[in-house]
Amino acid sequence: MADLTGQVGELRMSVQVIRKATGAVENYEVVGAATKEQAEALGAVMADEAEKKED
């Protein structure tokens, strides 16, 4: 498993749909975030905890 360090993250994605039949444009923004528990389950170490381990 990779040794990941960092803060809880957020992922954003913009999607634009153009309807072929009407030419109507729809814009969507998808936002995802990882909680501290999810990050820990993936093996990530929080930045402040990583600094403590280095000391």
Protein backbone atom coordinates (compact mmCIF):
# COMPACT_ATOMS: atom_id res chain seq x y z
CA MET A 1 0.00 0.00 0.00
CA ALA A 2 1.23 3.48 -0.80
CA ASP A 3 2.29 5.72 2.06
CA LEU A 4 -0.10 8.63 1.54
CA THR A 5 0.04 11.86 3.48
CA GLY A 6 -2.08 14.97 3.28
CA GLN A 7 -5.29 16.59 4.33
CA VAL A 8 -8.84 15.45 3.80
CA GLY A 9 -9.48 16.08 0.12
CA GLU A 10 -12.19 17.29 -2.17
CA LEU A 11 -12.60 16.32 -5.79
CA ARG A 12 -14.59 18.46 -8.26
CA MET A 13 -15.65 17.64 -11.78
CA SER A 14 -17.67 19.73 -14.22
CA VAL A 15 -19.80 18.02 -16.86
CA GLN A 16 -21.49 19.77 -19.75
CA VAL A 17 -24.26 17.94 -21.62
CA ILE A 18 -25.42 19.26 -24.98
CA ARG A 19 -28.68 17.69 -26.11
CA LYS A 20 -28.45 16.65 -29.74
CA ALA A 21 -32.19 16.95 -30.43
CA THR A 22 -32.69 20.42 -28.93
CA GLY A 23 -29.22 21.91 -28.56
CA ALA A 24 -30.02 22.60 -24.91
CA VAL A 25 -26.94 22.87 -22.70
CA GLU A 26 -26.92 21.44 -19.18
CA ASN A 27 -24.07 22.03 -16.75
CA TYR A 28 -23.44 19.77 -13.77
CA GLU A 29 -20.81 19.95 -11.07
CA VAL A 30 -20.00 16.78 -9.17
CA VAL A 31 -18.27 17.22 -5.80
CA GLY A 32 -16.83 14.41 -3.72
CA ALA A 33 -14.95 14.51 -0.45
CA ALA A 34 -13.06 12.01 1.65
CA THR A 35 -13.70 12.05 5.38
CA LYS A 36 -10.90 11.41 7.84
CA GLU A 37 -12.26 7.91 8.46
CA GLN A 38 -12.34 7.09 4.74
CA ALA A 39 -8.81 8.39 4.26
CA GLU A 40 -7.58 6.29 7.18
CA ALA A 41 -9.33 3.22 5.75
CA LEU A 42 -7.33 3.75 2.55
CA GLY A 43 -4.11 3.94 4.54
CA ALA A 44 -3.63 7.70 4.34
CA VAL A 45 -1.95 9.56 7.18
CA MET A 46 -3.07 13.07 8.03
CA ALA A 47 -0.40 15.75 7.47
CA ASP A 48 -0.15 16.74 11.13
CA GLU A 49 0.19 13.09 12.18
CA ALA A 50 2.94 12.52 9.58
CA GLU A 51 4.91 15.44 11.03
CA LYS A 52 4.65 13.91 14.52
CA LYS A 53 6.04 10.59 13.21
CA GLU A 54 9.06 12.35 11.70
CA ASP A 55 10.05 13.84 15.08
